[in-house]
């Protein structure tokens, strides 16, 4: 599992360095989730990340599917790019 996290971290870092969102956009456009699914996911993410209950956040995060993790990754990358602007 650590190797998978390292690969994800390296992928996020590489994406952060490259400010071209076309690869992220292609990944997001191919997902089967709805706009409502994305908004609910981001709302949960924001609320849980603002709480001090790390275990609750970790349990929620560990239960996410691959598509949800892709959405969160894209959100964090695009947010970081906006913050750098």
Protein backbone atom coordinates (compact mmCIF):
# COMPACT_ATOMS: atom_id res chain seq x y z
CA UNK A 1 0.00 0.00 0.00
CA UNK A 2 2.87 2.42 0.71
CA UNK A 3 4.20 1.95 -2.80
CA UNK A 4 0.78 2.86 -4.22
CA UNK A 5 0.69 6.01 -2.08
CA UNK A 6 4.21 6.94 -3.23
CA UNK A 7 3.14 6.57 -6.85
CA UNK A 8 0.05 8.70 -6.22
CA UNK A 9 2.16 11.34 -4.45
CA UNK A 10 4.67 11.39 -7.31
CA UNK A 11 1.82 11.69 -9.78
CA UNK A 12 0.33 14.63 -7.89
CA UNK A 13 3.71 16.36 -7.65
CA UNK A 14 4.32 15.92 -11.37
CA UNK A 15 0.86 17.27 -12.15
CA UNK A 16 1.41 20.26 -9.87
CA UNK A 17 4.61 21.13 -11.72
CA UNK A 18 2.81 20.90 -15.06
CA UNK A 19 0.12 23.56 -15.11
CA UNK A 20 -1.58 22.01 -18.13
CA UNK A 21 -4.90 20.59 -16.90
CA UNK A 22 -5.71 18.71 -20.09
CA UNK A 23 -4.65 15.31 -18.68
CA UNK A 24 -6.71 15.90 -15.54
CA UNK A 25 -9.64 17.09 -17.59
CA UNK A 26 -9.50 13.95 -19.73
CA UNK A 27 -9.51 11.77 -16.60
CA UNK A 28 -12.43 13.67 -15.09
CA UNK A 29 -14.44 13.70 -18.31
CA UNK A 30 -14.23 9.92 -18.53
CA UNK A 31 -15.67 9.33 -15.03
CA UNK A 32 -19.18 8.03 -14.59
CA UNK A 33 -20.01 10.26 -11.61
CA UNK A 34 -22.53 13.07 -11.82
CA UNK A 35 -22.11 16.71 -10.92
CA UNK A 36 -24.11 16.02 -7.78
CA UNK A 37 -21.73 13.20 -6.85
CA UNK A 38 -18.77 15.56 -7.21
CA UNK A 39 -20.37 18.34 -5.17
CA UNK A 40 -21.31 15.91 -2.39
CA UNK A 41 -17.78 14.48 -2.36
CA UNK A 42 -16.15 17.92 -2.17
CA UNK A 43 -18.59 19.06 0.54
CA UNK A 44 -17.79 15.98 2.65
CA UNK A 45 -14.08 16.49 2.01
CA UNK A 46 -14.19 20.10 3.14
CA UNK A 47 -16.24 19.41 6.27
CA UNK A 48 -14.18 16.40 7.34
CA UNK A 49 -10.83 18.05 6.61
CA UNK A 50 -11.80 21.03 8.81
CA UNK A 51 -12.62 18.81 11.78
CA UNK A 52 -9.96 17.67 14.19
CA UNK A 53 -11.02 14.02 14.07
CA UNK A 54 -8.22 12.53 11.97
CA UNK A 55 -9.49 8.99 12.43
CA UNK A 56 -12.91 9.90 11.05
CA UNK A 57 -11.30 11.59 8.04
CA UNK A 58 -8.94 8.66 7.48
CA UNK A 59 -11.79 6.14 7.59
CA UNK A 60 -13.81 8.22 5.14
CA UNK A 61 -10.83 8.67 2.82
CA UNK A 62 -9.90 4.97 2.92
CA UNK A 63 -13.44 4.05 1.86
CA UNK A 64 -13.34 6.18 -1.31
CA UNK A 65 -13.36 4.48 -4.68
CA UNK A 66 -10.82 5.15 -7.44
CA UNK A 67 -13.10 7.66 -9.20
CA UNK A 68 -13.62 9.66 -6.01
CA UNK A 69 -9.87 9.74 -5.39
CA UNK A 70 -9.36 10.98 -8.96
CA UNK A 71 -11.80 13.82 -8.33
CA UNK A 72 -10.07 14.79 -5.08
CA UNK A 73 -6.64 14.68 -6.72
CA UNK A 74 -7.83 16.93 -9.54
CA UNK A 75 -9.49 19.30 -7.07
CA UNK A 76 -6.32 19.65 -4.99
CA UNK A 77 -4.12 20.17 -8.05
CA UNK A 78 -6.41 22.80 -9.55
CA UNK A 79 -6.83 24.51 -6.17
CA UNK A 80 -3.06 24.68 -5.76
CA UNK A 81 -2.74 26.22 -9.21
CA UNK A 82 -5.37 28.84 -8.34
CA UNK A 83 -3.62 29.64 -5.07
CA UNK A 84 -0.32 30.15 -6.93
CA UNK A 85 -1.92 32.61 -9.34
